[in-house]
N, C-alpha and C. Protein backbone atom coordinates (compact mmCIF):
# COMPACT_ATOMS: atom_id res chain seq x y z
N MET A 1 -22.59 -17.75 -29.65
CA MET A 1 -21.17 -18.03 -29.37
C MET A 1 -20.30 -17.28 -29.71
N LYS A 2 -19.76 -16.31 -30.79
CA LYS A 2 -18.58 -15.71 -30.82
C LYS A 2 -18.42 -14.84 -29.66
N GLU A 3 -19.75 -14.31 -29.71
CA GLU A 3 -20.21 -13.32 -28.09
C GLU A 3 -19.61 -13.66 -27.60
N ASP A 4 -19.84 -14.69 -27.11
CA ASP A 4 -19.47 -15.52 -25.87
C ASP A 4 -18.20 -15.55 -25.73
N ASN A 5 -17.12 -16.06 -26.20
CA ASN A 5 -15.78 -16.60 -27.02
C ASN A 5 -15.67 -14.33 -26.69
N MET A 6 -16.10 -13.73 -27.28
CA MET A 6 -15.20 -12.26 -26.86
C MET A 6 -15.10 -11.97 -25.85
N SER A 7 -16.53 -12.04 -24.77
CA SER A 7 -17.00 -11.47 -23.83
C SER A 7 -15.81 -12.38 -23.12
N ASN A 8 -15.39 -13.08 -23.15
CA ASN A 8 -14.47 -13.92 -21.89
C ASN A 8 -13.01 -14.06 -22.50
N VAL A 9 -12.85 -13.74 -23.46
CA VAL A 9 -11.01 -12.49 -23.91
C VAL A 9 -11.03 -11.32 -23.27
N ILE A 10 -12.18 -10.37 -22.82
CA ILE A 10 -12.37 -9.61 -23.08
C ILE A 10 -11.56 -9.35 -21.16
N HIS A 11 -12.80 -10.80 -20.72
CA HIS A 11 -13.14 -10.81 -19.29
C HIS A 11 -11.35 -10.79 -18.55
N ALA A 12 -10.96 -11.77 -19.59
CA ALA A 12 -9.39 -12.83 -19.36
C ALA A 12 -8.64 -10.80 -19.37
N GLU A 13 -8.19 -10.30 -20.24
CA GLU A 13 -7.10 -9.54 -20.66
C GLU A 13 -7.24 -8.58 -19.63
N ILE A 14 -8.85 -7.69 -19.05
CA ILE A 14 -9.06 -7.31 -17.60
C ILE A 14 -8.63 -8.21 -16.61
N GLU A 15 -8.76 -9.14 -16.51
CA GLU A 15 -7.88 -9.52 -15.25
C GLU A 15 -6.53 -9.78 -15.76
N ARG A 16 -6.20 -10.14 -16.52
CA ARG A 16 -4.27 -9.80 -16.43
C ARG A 16 -4.07 -8.59 -16.49
N LEU A 17 -4.96 -7.92 -16.95
CA LEU A 17 -4.53 -5.93 -17.05
C LEU A 17 -4.12 -6.00 -15.27
N GLY A 18 -5.70 -6.05 -14.61
CA GLY A 18 -5.39 -6.26 -13.57
C GLY A 18 -4.43 -6.84 -12.41
N ALA A 19 -3.93 -8.11 -12.88
CA ALA A 19 -2.88 -8.20 -11.64
C ALA A 19 -1.53 -7.40 -12.74
N ASN A 20 -1.14 -7.50 -13.13
CA ASN A 20 -0.74 -7.44 -13.38
C ASN A 20 0.05 -5.24 -13.20
N ALA A 21 -1.27 -4.26 -13.16
CA ALA A 21 -1.66 -3.07 -11.73
C ALA A 21 -1.32 -3.79 -10.85
N THR A 22 -1.55 -4.62 -10.00
CA THR A 22 -1.35 -5.02 -8.57
C THR A 22 -0.36 -5.73 -8.19
N ALA A 23 0.69 -6.45 -9.26
CA ALA A 23 2.01 -6.46 -8.70
C ALA A 23 2.75 -5.56 -9.19
N THR A 24 2.38 -4.17 -10.15
CA THR A 24 3.48 -3.29 -10.51
C THR A 24 3.47 -2.33 -9.10
N HIS A 25 2.20 -1.82 -8.75
CA HIS A 25 1.88 -0.90 -7.43
C HIS A 25 3.09 -1.58 -6.40
N ALA A 26 2.67 -2.81 -6.49
CA ALA A 26 3.66 -3.31 -5.00
C ALA A 26 4.75 -3.40 -5.35
N LEU A 27 5.21 -3.77 -6.61
CA LEU A 27 6.63 -3.25 -6.12
C LEU A 27 7.01 -2.24 -6.76
N ASN A 28 6.85 -1.31 -6.83
CA ASN A 28 7.04 -0.15 -6.84
C ASN A 28 7.60 0.52 -6.05
N TYR A 29 6.41 0.20 -4.81
CA TYR A 29 6.54 0.13 -3.35
C TYR A 29 8.00 -0.17 -2.81
N TRP A 30 7.68 -1.46 -3.42
CA TRP A 30 8.97 -2.24 -2.66
C TRP A 30 10.27 -1.41 -2.42
N LYS A 31 10.74 -1.30 -4.23
CA LYS A 31 11.79 -0.54 -4.76
C LYS A 31 12.23 1.33 -3.55
N LYS A 32 10.81 1.90 -3.54
CA LYS A 32 11.14 3.33 -2.91
C LYS A 32 11.39 2.42 -1.72
N LEU A 33 10.61 1.87 -1.36
CA LEU A 33 10.83 1.26 0.29
C LEU A 33 12.20 1.31 0.52
N SER A 34 12.82 -0.03 0.22
CA SER A 34 14.30 -0.60 0.09
C SER A 34 15.57 0.13 -0.24
N ASP A 35 14.72 1.20 -1.16
CA ASP A 35 15.90 2.54 -1.26
C ASP A 35 15.97 3.25 -0.48
N ALA A 36 14.92 3.62 0.19
CA ALA A 36 14.97 4.48 1.58
C ALA A 36 15.98 3.66 3.17
N CYS A 37 15.63 2.34 3.15
CA CYS A 37 16.35 1.93 3.63
C CYS A 37 17.55 1.39 3.88
N ARG A 38 18.23 1.76 2.39
CA ARG A 38 19.16 1.37 2.14
C ARG A 38 20.34 2.35 2.21
N LEU A 39 19.70 3.64 2.37
CA LEU A 39 19.99 4.93 2.44
C LEU A 39 20.61 5.08 4.06
N ASP A 40 19.34 4.74 4.58
CA ASP A 40 18.98 5.02 6.16
C ASP A 40 20.56 4.21 6.67
N GLY A 41 20.38 3.02 6.41
CA GLY A 41 21.66 2.41 6.46
C GLY A 41 23.19 2.69 6.49
N LEU A 42 23.08 3.61 5.50
CA LEU A 42 24.59 4.32 4.97
C LEU A 42 24.79 5.33 5.98
N GLU A 43 23.01 6.17 6.21
CA GLU A 43 23.67 7.34 7.12
C GLU A 43 24.03 7.02 8.87
N PHE A 44 23.19 5.96 9.00
CA PHE A 44 23.11 5.94 10.88
C PHE A 44 23.04 4.78 11.07
N ASP A 45 23.61 3.17 10.20
CA ASP A 45 23.19 2.47 11.15
C ASP A 45 24.97 2.25 11.80
N PRO A 46 25.49 1.35 12.77
CA PRO A 46 26.46 1.26 13.08
C PRO A 46 27.60 0.43 12.46
N LEU A 47 29.33 0.65 12.53
CA LEU A 47 30.12 -1.08 11.96
C LEU A 47 29.79 -1.64 13.04
N TRP A 48 30.70 -2.58 12.99
CA TRP A 48 31.12 -3.54 13.73
C TRP A 48 32.22 -4.55 13.10
N ASP A 49 32.44 -5.16 14.29
CA ASP A 49 34.14 -6.24 13.98
C ASP A 49 32.92 -7.61 13.91
N THR A 50 32.38 -8.31 13.06
CA THR A 50 32.57 -9.06 13.19
C THR A 50 33.08 -10.64 13.92
N SER A 51 34.39 -10.65 13.46
CA SER A 51 35.02 -11.51 14.43
C SER A 51 35.18 -11.25 15.96
N SER A 52 34.44 -10.02 16.49
CA SER A 52 34.64 -9.53 17.52
C SER A 52 33.64 -10.36 19.21
N SER A 53 33.76 -10.94 20.07
CA SER A 53 32.94 -11.16 20.89
C SER A 53 31.65 -10.77 21.08
N GLU A 54 31.42 -9.41 20.82
CA GLU A 54 30.69 -8.34 20.90
C GLU A 54 29.70 -8.30 20.19
N LYS A 55 28.40 -9.13 20.03
CA LYS A 55 27.44 -9.08 19.20
C LYS A 55 26.58 -8.32 19.22
N PRO A 56 26.06 -8.03 17.93
CA PRO A 56 25.10 -6.17 17.38
C PRO A 56 24.03 -6.45 18.26
N PRO A 57 23.70 -5.16 18.43
CA PRO A 57 22.39 -5.18 19.59
C PRO A 57 21.18 -5.96 18.66
N GLU A 58 20.56 -6.86 19.69
CA GLU A 58 19.38 -7.37 18.86
C GLU A 58 18.01 -6.36 18.62
N ALA A 59 17.06 -6.77 18.14
CA ALA A 59 16.45 -5.30 17.92
C ALA A 59 15.45 -5.17 18.72
N SER A 60 15.12 -6.15 20.08
CA SER A 60 14.55 -5.58 21.09
C SER A 60 15.72 -4.74 22.24
N GLU A 61 16.62 -4.39 21.45
CA GLU A 61 17.44 -3.76 22.45
C GLU A 61 17.78 -2.12 21.90
N LEU A 62 16.92 -2.22 20.65
CA LEU A 62 17.27 -1.24 20.45
C LEU A 62 16.43 0.15 20.85
N PRO A 63 16.87 1.44 20.20
CA PRO A 63 15.30 2.68 20.77
C PRO A 63 14.36 2.57 20.45
N PRO A 64 13.17 2.92 21.47
CA PRO A 64 11.76 2.92 20.72
C PRO A 64 11.64 3.61 19.14
N HIS A 65 10.00 3.21 18.50
CA HIS A 65 10.31 3.56 17.32
C HIS A 65 10.55 5.36 17.22
N PRO A 66 11.43 5.31 16.02
CA PRO A 66 10.97 6.64 15.73
C PRO A 66 10.41 7.76 15.14
N LEU A 67 9.26 7.48 16.04
CA LEU A 67 7.64 8.13 15.15
C LEU A 67 7.96 9.13 14.46
N LEU A 68 8.70 10.52 15.87
CA LEU A 68 9.25 11.92 14.94
C LEU A 68 10.37 12.19 14.62
N ASN A 69 11.20 11.00 14.67
CA ASN A 69 12.41 10.90 13.53
C ASN A 69 12.18 11.26 12.19
N SER A 70 12.45 12.66 11.48
CA SER A 70 12.56 13.16 10.68
C SER A 70 13.77 12.31 9.97
N LYS A 71 14.84 12.16 10.49
CA LYS A 71 16.34 12.31 9.74
C LYS A 71 16.58 11.11 9.09
N LEU A 72 15.68 9.89 9.55
CA LEU A 72 14.75 8.30 8.96
C LEU A 72 13.87 8.82 7.88
N ARG A 73 14.68 8.39 7.20
CA ARG A 73 14.07 8.54 4.94
C ARG A 73 13.00 7.69 5.26
N THR A 74 13.29 6.42 6.16
CA THR A 74 11.68 5.70 5.84
C THR A 74 10.59 5.99 6.56
N THR A 75 11.17 7.04 7.68
CA THR A 75 9.70 7.50 8.59
C THR A 75 9.15 8.53 7.62
N ARG A 76 9.75 9.41 6.95
CA ARG A 76 9.25 9.94 6.04
C ARG A 76 8.70 9.50 4.11
N THR A 77 8.64 8.20 3.84
CA THR A 77 8.47 7.97 2.61
C THR A 77 7.23 7.62 2.55
N LEU A 78 6.55 8.40 1.05
CA LEU A 78 5.69 9.59 0.25
C LEU A 78 5.04 8.26 -0.06
N ILE A 79 3.84 8.24 0.03
CA ILE A 79 3.38 7.19 -0.34
C ILE A 79 1.74 7.38 -0.55
N THR A 80 0.97 8.78 -0.40
CA THR A 80 0.33 8.60 -1.53
C THR A 80 0.60 10.50 -2.20
N GLU A 81 -0.24 11.64 -2.14
CA GLU A 81 0.77 11.88 -3.13
C GLU A 81 1.87 13.90 -2.75
N THR A 82 1.30 13.31 -1.40
CA THR A 82 1.86 14.88 -0.52
C THR A 82 1.67 14.47 1.15
N PRO A 83 2.94 14.75 1.59
CA PRO A 83 3.31 14.92 3.13
C PRO A 83 2.02 15.01 4.14
N LYS A 84 1.31 15.90 3.55
CA LYS A 84 0.33 16.43 3.98
C LYS A 84 -0.80 15.41 4.41
N LEU A 85 -1.21 14.88 3.02
CA LEU A 85 -2.02 14.00 2.98
C LEU A 85 -1.54 12.81 3.46
N ASP A 86 -0.36 12.58 3.18
CA ASP A 86 0.01 10.92 4.43
C ASP A 86 -0.14 11.36 5.80
N ALA A 87 0.43 12.32 6.01
CA ALA A 87 0.06 12.93 7.81
C ALA A 87 -1.41 12.57 8.04
N HIS A 88 -2.17 13.16 7.08
CA HIS A 88 -3.78 13.16 7.27
C HIS A 88 -4.30 11.73 6.92
N VAL A 89 -4.02 10.77 6.34
CA VAL A 89 -4.34 9.64 6.11
C VAL A 89 -3.94 8.61 7.08
N TYR A 90 -2.82 8.96 8.05
CA TYR A 90 -2.24 7.75 9.11
C TYR A 90 -3.39 8.58 10.16
N MET A 91 -3.14 9.93 10.43
CA MET A 91 -4.09 9.77 11.75
C MET A 91 -5.31 9.56 11.39
N LYS A 92 -6.18 9.53 10.19
CA LYS A 92 -7.20 8.73 9.84
C LYS A 92 -7.61 7.31 10.92
N PHE A 93 -6.30 6.99 9.82
CA PHE A 93 -6.29 5.10 10.42
C PHE A 93 -5.80 4.90 12.13
N ARG A 94 -4.99 6.17 12.65
CA ARG A 94 -4.75 5.39 14.13
C ARG A 94 -5.87 5.84 15.14
N SER A 95 -6.93 6.96 14.39
CA SER A 95 -8.18 7.29 15.25
C SER A 95 -8.77 6.16 15.09
N ASN A 96 -8.96 5.60 14.16
CA ASN A 96 -10.36 4.39 13.95
C ASN A 96 -9.48 2.93 14.56
N PHE A 97 -8.47 2.89 14.38
CA PHE A 97 -7.72 1.33 14.71
C PHE A 97 -6.49 2.21 15.90
N PRO A 98 -6.58 2.46 16.85
CA PRO A 98 -5.65 2.72 18.07
C PRO A 98 -4.84 1.46 18.34
N ILE A 99 -5.61 0.62 18.71
CA ILE A 99 -3.76 -0.79 18.71
C ILE A 99 -4.02 -1.22 17.90
N PHE A 100 -4.36 -1.55 16.30
CA PHE A 100 -4.22 -2.29 15.41
C PHE A 100 -2.98 -2.63 14.95
N ASP A 101 -2.79 -3.94 15.28
CA ASP A 101 -1.54 -4.75 15.35
C ASP A 101 -1.04 -4.81 13.97
N ILE A 102 0.06 -3.73 13.11
CA ILE A 102 0.80 -3.74 12.12
C ILE A 102 1.74 -4.54 11.53
N THR A 103 2.26 -4.79 12.60
CA THR A 103 3.44 -6.26 12.28
C THR A 103 3.02 -7.48 11.75
N SER A 104 2.12 -8.61 12.50
CA SER A 104 1.71 -9.50 12.04
C SER A 104 0.03 -9.34 11.81
N ILE A 105 -0.11 -8.80 10.80
CA ILE A 105 -1.55 -8.80 10.84
C ILE A 105 -1.99 -10.30 9.78
N SER A 106 -3.13 -10.89 10.21
CA SER A 106 -4.04 -12.60 10.21
C SER A 106 -5.61 -11.47 9.25
N PRO A 107 -5.10 -12.19 8.21
CA PRO A 107 -6.69 -11.18 7.22
C PRO A 107 -7.50 -11.41 7.34
N PRO A 108 -7.99 -11.91 8.46
CA PRO A 108 -9.90 -12.17 8.43
C PRO A 108 -9.52 -10.74 9.55
N THR A 109 -9.00 -9.84 10.21
CA THR A 109 -8.88 -9.21 11.05
C THR A 109 -9.11 -7.74 10.01
N LEU A 110 -8.60 -7.84 8.63
CA LEU A 110 -9.19 -6.27 7.73
C LEU A 110 -10.26 -6.46 6.86
N ASN A 111 -11.43 -7.09 7.47
CA ASN A 111 -12.67 -7.74 7.12
C ASN A 111 -13.80 -6.73 7.46
N SER A 112 -13.69 -5.99 8.91
CA SER A 112 -14.97 -6.14 9.54
C SER A 112 -15.13 -5.31 8.91
N PRO A 113 -16.26 -4.54 10.12
CA PRO A 113 -16.99 -3.89 9.37
C PRO A 113 -16.49 -1.95 9.06
N LEU A 114 -16.01 -1.77 10.80
CA LEU A 114 -15.31 -0.91 10.61
C LEU A 114 -14.21 -0.38 9.42
N TRP A 115 -13.59 -1.45 8.85
CA TRP A 115 -12.85 -0.98 8.15
C TRP A 115 -13.08 -0.79 6.53
N ARG A 116 -13.92 -1.78 6.49
CA ARG A 116 -14.68 -1.21 5.09
C ARG A 116 -15.97 0.36 5.16
N ASN A 117 -16.04 0.57 6.69
CA ASN A 117 -16.37 2.24 6.27
C ASN A 117 -15.22 3.11 6.27
N VAL A 118 -14.84 2.87 6.82
CA VAL A 118 -13.23 4.17 6.69
C VAL A 118 -12.80 3.55 5.40
N LEU A 119 -12.41 2.47 4.35
CA LEU A 119 -11.60 2.37 3.75
C LEU A 119 -12.68 2.71 2.45
N THR A 120 -14.56 2.91 2.54
CA THR A 120 -15.21 4.12 1.29
C THR A 120 -15.47 4.98 1.75
N ALA A 121 -14.52 5.51 2.72
CA ALA A 121 -14.51 6.83 2.80
C ALA A 121 -13.34 7.44 2.87
N THR A 122 -12.74 6.52 1.97
CA THR A 122 -11.38 7.28 1.59
C THR A 122 -11.32 7.84 0.16
N SER A 123 -12.59 7.98 -0.49
CA SER A 123 -13.00 7.87 -2.30
C SER A 123 -13.27 9.13 -2.16
N GLY A 124 -12.13 9.48 -3.09
CA GLY A 124 -11.76 11.27 -2.92
C GLY A 124 -10.37 11.57 -2.66
N THR A 125 -10.18 10.74 -1.86
CA THR A 125 -9.21 11.44 -0.82
C THR A 125 -8.01 10.01 -1.42
N ILE A 126 -7.76 9.32 -1.51
CA ILE A 126 -7.35 8.67 -2.07
C ILE A 126 -6.99 8.07 -3.38
N GLU A 127 -6.21 8.32 -4.35
CA GLU A 127 -5.89 7.72 -5.87
C GLU A 127 -6.22 6.60 -6.18
N ASP A 128 -6.77 6.22 -6.78
CA ASP A 128 -7.70 4.73 -6.97
C ASP A 128 -7.78 3.80 -5.83
N PHE A 129 -8.39 4.14 -4.59
CA PHE A 129 -8.40 3.75 -3.04
C PHE A 129 -9.11 2.47 -3.38
N ASN A 130 -9.87 1.54 -4.35
CA ASN A 130 -10.51 0.39 -4.29
C ASN A 130 -9.85 -0.19 -5.35
N PHE A 131 -8.52 -0.26 -5.86
CA PHE A 131 -7.66 -0.64 -6.17
C PHE A 131 -7.57 -1.87 -6.01
N MET A 132 -6.91 -2.87 -6.63
CA MET A 132 -6.34 -4.19 -5.79
C MET A 132 -4.78 -3.99 -5.19
N THR A 133 -3.94 -4.76 -4.67
CA THR A 133 -2.94 -4.54 -4.92
C THR A 133 -2.15 -5.68 -2.95
N LEU A 134 -0.52 -5.81 -3.30
CA LEU A 134 -0.42 -6.50 -2.30
C LEU A 134 0.33 -5.69 -1.51
N LEU A 135 -0.10 -6.70 -0.23
CA LEU A 135 0.33 -6.13 0.83
C LEU A 135 0.97 -7.53 2.14
N ARG A 136 2.58 -7.16 2.71
CA ARG A 136 3.29 -8.00 3.06
C ARG A 136 1.97 -8.25 4.52
N ASN A 137 1.98 -9.27 5.16
CA ASN A 137 1.02 -9.37 5.71
C ASN A 137 2.25 -9.19 7.59
N ASP A 138 3.31 -9.46 6.98
CA ASP A 138 4.35 -9.27 8.40
C ASP A 138 5.20 -8.59 7.98
N VAL A 139 5.76 -7.02 8.92
CA VAL A 139 6.14 -6.03 8.60
C VAL A 139 7.98 -6.25 8.17
N LYS A 140 8.61 -7.76 9.08
CA LYS A 140 9.81 -8.31 8.89
C LYS A 140 10.09 -9.12 7.52
N GLU A 141 9.00 -9.08 6.32
CA GLU A 141 9.12 -10.10 5.77
C GLU A 141 9.39 -9.27 4.11
N MET A 142 10.32 -9.83 3.81
CA MET A 142 10.92 -9.40 1.87
C MET A 142 9.75 -9.65 1.17
N PHE A 143 9.73 -8.89 0.08
CA PHE A 143 8.42 -8.78 -1.22
C PHE A 143 9.69 -9.26 -2.68
N TRP A 144 9.46 -10.33 -2.53
CA TRP A 144 9.73 -10.87 -4.02
C TRP A 144 8.60 -11.62 -4.91
N MET A 145 8.53 -11.60 -5.89
CA MET A 145 7.38 -12.52 -6.77
C MET A 145 7.52 -13.46 -7.19
N THR A 146 7.79 -14.26 -5.97
CA THR A 146 8.01 -15.47 -6.47
C THR A 146 6.23 -16.38 -5.80
N GLU A 147 6.36 -17.56 -6.17
CA GLU A 147 5.59 -18.98 -5.36
C GLU A 147 5.47 -19.08 -3.81
N GLU A 148 6.92 -19.16 -3.76
CA GLU A 148 6.80 -19.36 -2.31
C GLU A 148 6.66 -17.90 -1.46
N SER A 149 7.23 -17.06 -1.93
CA SER A 149 6.77 -15.80 -1.10
C SER A 149 4.64 -14.89 -1.01
N SER A 150 4.01 -15.87 -1.91
CA SER A 150 2.86 -15.85 -2.18
C SER A 150 2.02 -16.20 -0.87
N SER A 151 2.36 -16.98 -0.04
CA SER A 151 1.44 -17.00 1.28
C SER A 151 1.37 -15.86 2.14
N LYS A 152 2.64 -14.96 1.81
CA LYS A 152 3.04 -14.24 2.54
C LYS A 152 2.23 -12.46 2.88
N VAL A 153 1.86 -13.28 1.56
CA VAL A 153 1.17 -11.35 0.84
C VAL A 153 -0.39 -11.36 0.95
N GLY A 154 -1.39 -10.86 1.55
CA GLY A 154 -2.05 -10.42 1.24
C GLY A 154 -2.95 -9.58 -0.13
N LEU A 155 -4.05 -9.88 -0.54
CA LEU A 155 -4.54 -9.16 -2.05
C LEU A 155 -5.41 -7.85 -1.58
N VAL A 156 -5.32 -6.74 -1.03
CA VAL A 156 -6.11 -6.16 -0.24
C VAL A 156 -6.32 -4.37 -1.10
N PRO A 157 -7.46 -3.69 -0.37
CA PRO A 157 -7.32 -2.49 -1.17
C PRO A 157 -6.05 -1.15 -1.40
N ARG A 158 -6.52 -0.65 -2.27
CA ARG A 158 -5.27 0.24 -2.21
C ARG A 158 -5.28 1.51 -0.67
N SER A 159 -6.28 2.22 -0.48
CA SER A 159 -6.52 2.97 0.77
C SER A 159 -5.35 1.77 1.70
N GLN A 160 -6.42 0.28 2.04
CA GLN A 160 -5.88 -0.62 3.28
C GLN A 160 -4.33 0.01 3.08
N PHE A 161 -4.13 -0.57 2.14
CA PHE A 161 -2.53 -0.62 1.98
C PHE A 161 -1.39 0.01 2.63
N VAL A 162 -2.37 1.56 2.25
CA VAL A 162 -1.69 2.59 2.50
C VAL A 162 -1.24 3.16 4.00
N MET A 163 -2.32 2.78 4.53
CA MET A 163 -2.69 3.22 5.73
C MET A 163 -1.65 2.53 6.02
N ILE A 164 -1.86 0.73 6.39
CA ILE A 164 -1.04 0.15 7.16
C ILE A 164 0.13 0.75 6.98
N GLU A 165 0.77 0.85 5.49
CA GLU A 165 2.63 0.83 5.16
C GLU A 165 2.72 2.81 6.00
N LEU A 166 1.93 3.69 6.10
CA LEU A 166 2.14 4.93 6.81
C LEU A 166 2.16 4.57 7.81
N ALA A 167 1.47 3.97 8.47
CA ALA A 167 2.17 3.82 9.82
C ALA A 167 2.86 3.03 10.16
N ARG A 168 3.09 1.48 9.05
CA ARG A 168 4.47 0.97 9.44
C ARG A 168 5.93 1.76 9.65
N CYS A 169 5.60 2.74 8.26
CA CYS A 169 7.07 4.35 7.79
C CYS A 169 6.64 4.60 9.47
N LYS A 170 5.67 5.26 9.09
CA LYS A 170 5.95 6.40 10.50
C LYS A 170 6.04 5.50 11.79
N GLU A 171 5.58 5.34 12.39
CA GLU A 171 5.54 4.66 13.51
C GLU A 171 7.84 3.26 13.19
N GLY A 172 8.33 3.69 12.96
CA GLY A 172 9.36 3.55 12.60
C GLY A 172 10.05 2.20 12.78
N TYR A 173 9.13 1.61 11.96
CA TYR A 173 8.92 -0.71 12.00
C TYR A 173 10.05 -0.71 10.75
N TYR A 174 10.63 -0.01 9.92
CA TYR A 174 11.58 -0.42 9.19
C TYR A 174 12.93 0.87 9.75
N ASP A 175 13.32 -0.14 10.83
CA ASP A 175 14.36 0.11 11.59
C ASP A 175 15.46 -0.36 11.45
N LEU A 176 16.74 -0.81 12.09
CA LEU A 176 17.89 -1.48 12.50
C LEU A 176 17.54 -3.23 11.95
N GLY A 177 16.65 -3.42 13.16
CA GLY A 177 16.74 -4.65 12.35
C GLY A 177 16.15 -5.24 11.06
N PHE A 178 14.77 -4.16 10.35
CA PHE A 178 14.59 -4.62 9.51
C PHE A 178 15.63 -4.49 8.16
N ARG A 179 16.03 -3.50 8.05
CA ARG A 179 17.37 -3.20 7.54
C ARG A 179 18.57 -4.16 7.97
N ARG A 180 18.51 -4.69 8.28
CA ARG A 180 19.48 -6.17 8.43
C ARG A 180 18.99 -7.23 7.95
N VAL A 181 17.56 -7.72 7.71
CA VAL A 181 16.88 -8.97 7.57
C VAL A 181 16.84 -8.37 6.03
N LEU A 182 16.83 -6.79 5.55
CA LEU A 182 16.71 -6.52 4.34
C LEU A 182 18.12 -7.43 3.52
N ARG A 183 19.22 -6.74 4.18
CA ARG A 183 20.76 -6.98 3.69
C ARG A 183 21.17 -8.36 3.35
N ARG A 184 20.43 -9.01 4.41
CA ARG A 184 20.52 -10.69 4.14
C ARG A 184 19.80 -11.25 3.28
N PHE A 185 18.78 -10.65 2.90
CA PHE A 185 17.51 -10.60 1.66
C PHE A 185 18.43 -10.17 0.31
N GLU A 186 18.86 -9.47 0.18
CA GLU A 186 19.63 -8.72 -0.69
C GLU A 186 21.62 -9.60 -1.07
N LEU A 187 21.82 -10.64 -0.19
CA LEU A 187 22.76 -11.10 -0.71
C LEU A 187 22.67 -11.99 -0.90
N LYS A 188 21.84 -13.17 -0.63
CA LYS A 188 21.08 -14.78 -0.35
C LYS A 188 20.38 -13.93 -2.22
N ARG A 189 20.22 -12.89 -2.44
CA ARG A 189 19.73 -12.65 -4.24
C ARG A 189 20.92 -12.50 -4.79
N ALA A 190 21.67 -12.01 -4.89
CA ALA A 190 23.13 -12.00 -5.17
C ALA A 190 23.70 -13.49 -5.18
N GLY A 191 23.19 -13.95 -4.37
CA GLY A 191 24.53 -15.34 -4.15
C GLY A 191 23.54 -16.04 -5.37
N ASP A 192 22.57 -16.20 -4.92
CA ASP A 192 21.48 -17.12 -5.97
C ASP A 192 21.73 -17.15 -7.31
N GLU A 193 21.75 -15.45 -8.07
CA GLU A 193 21.89 -15.51 -9.17
C GLU A 193 23.20 -15.56 -9.60
N LEU A 194 24.02 -15.62 -8.81
CA LEU A 194 25.69 -15.72 -9.94
C LEU A 194 25.75 -16.97 -9.70
N ARG A 195 25.58 -17.95 -8.57
CA ARG A 195 25.01 -19.78 -9.01
C ARG A 195 24.62 -20.19 -9.58
N LYS A 196 23.32 -18.87 -10.49
CA LYS A 196 22.82 -19.62 -11.60
C LYS A 196 23.31 -19.11 -12.74
N CYS A 197 24.23 -18.06 -12.70
CA CYS A 197 24.81 -17.72 -14.13
C CYS A 197 26.39 -18.65 -14.41
N VAL A 198 26.72 -19.15 -12.31
CA VAL A 198 28.25 -20.06 -12.18
C VAL A 198 27.45 -21.42 -13.47
N SER A 199 26.21 -21.78 -12.96
CA SER A 199 25.83 -23.02 -13.38
C SER A 199 25.34 -22.98 -15.13
N SER A 200 24.66 -22.02 -15.02
CA SER A 200 24.06 -21.74 -16.86
C SER A 200 25.79 -22.05 -17.68
N SER A 201 26.73 -20.92 -16.79
CA SER A 201 27.72 -20.99 -17.61
C SER A 201 28.67 -22.40 -17.40
N GLY A 202 28.55 -23.18 -17.27
CA GLY A 202 29.24 -24.79 -16.26
C GLY A 202 29.36 -25.89 -18.12
N GLY A 203 30.43 -25.39 -17.94
CA GLY A 203 31.60 -26.73 -19.06
C GLY A 203 31.96 -25.85 -20.12
N ASP A 204 31.28 -24.70 -20.23
CA ASP A 204 32.00 -23.44 -21.40
C ASP A 204 33.75 -23.61 -21.33
N GLY A 205 34.52 -23.32 -22.41
CA GLY A 205 35.62 -23.59 -22.27
C GLY A 205 36.26 -24.64 -22.00
N ASP A 206 35.86 -26.07 -21.49
CA ASP A 206 36.24 -27.14 -20.79
C ASP A 206 37.26 -27.32 -22.20
N GLY A 207 38.02 -28.02 -21.90
CA GLY A 207 39.14 -28.35 -23.21
C GLY A 207 40.11 -27.46 -23.85
N ASP A 208 39.70 -26.28 -23.02
CA ASP A 208 40.72 -24.87 -23.85
C ASP A 208 42.61 -25.43 -23.28
N GLY A 209 42.69 -25.67 -24.23
CA GLY A 209 44.54 -25.46 -23.99
C GLY A 209 44.70 -26.73 -24.61
N ASP A 210 44.19 -27.76 -24.88
CA ASP A 210 44.03 -29.34 -25.31
C ASP A 210 45.33 -29.07 -26.44
N GLY A 211 45.50 -30.00 -26.89
CA GLY A 211 46.35 -29.96 -27.96
C GLY A 211 47.92 -29.10 -28.72
N ASP A 212 47.77 -27.57 -28.28
CA ASP A 212 49.50 -27.22 -28.45
C ASP A 212 49.84 -27.74 -27.59
N GLY A 213 51.36 -27.68 -27.27
CA GLY A 213 52.09 -27.97 -26.34
C GLY A 213 52.79 -26.74 -25.20
């Protein structure tokens, strides 16, 4: 009985460590990606007067995906160990999945026999290729570890994450439209944090100044 209890404890600890590693990998990548987006925004995004009647261009009016535009940091985001390996993995992905939609992913499409063969072949190429990580199903979706966002991410092997995110970066999906969504997301988070701070400090100092005239 004691051995069974110890086995359960060990299993639970392994699961906990695995979950932590899964979340940490996804959060680290998100930080790298959002940092690159902010820098791209500072350098390339046009400024406009929001009071003007002229609206900013819609995403559909923007130039085509800058696949070879090395000026954008997001297209050069390093996901494996080297740029050369990034390029190799990306070409391997697109040679096997030339028309796979990476903008809005349905989880069942990630479980085909072809996917399984391609992912198995990445053993020895992608570090921790079969470790699990979190992938945003929609390319324009923000990533934040909340219960609300849990339905918008999928649990996938590391190599599958690497292939899809490489394609999203290199094919220019983290463009002006994405950067605008990111700015709104971060402004909302900052506003939520400010409201939380104000709410938690509410009532502090009430009655100050009473007494002395």
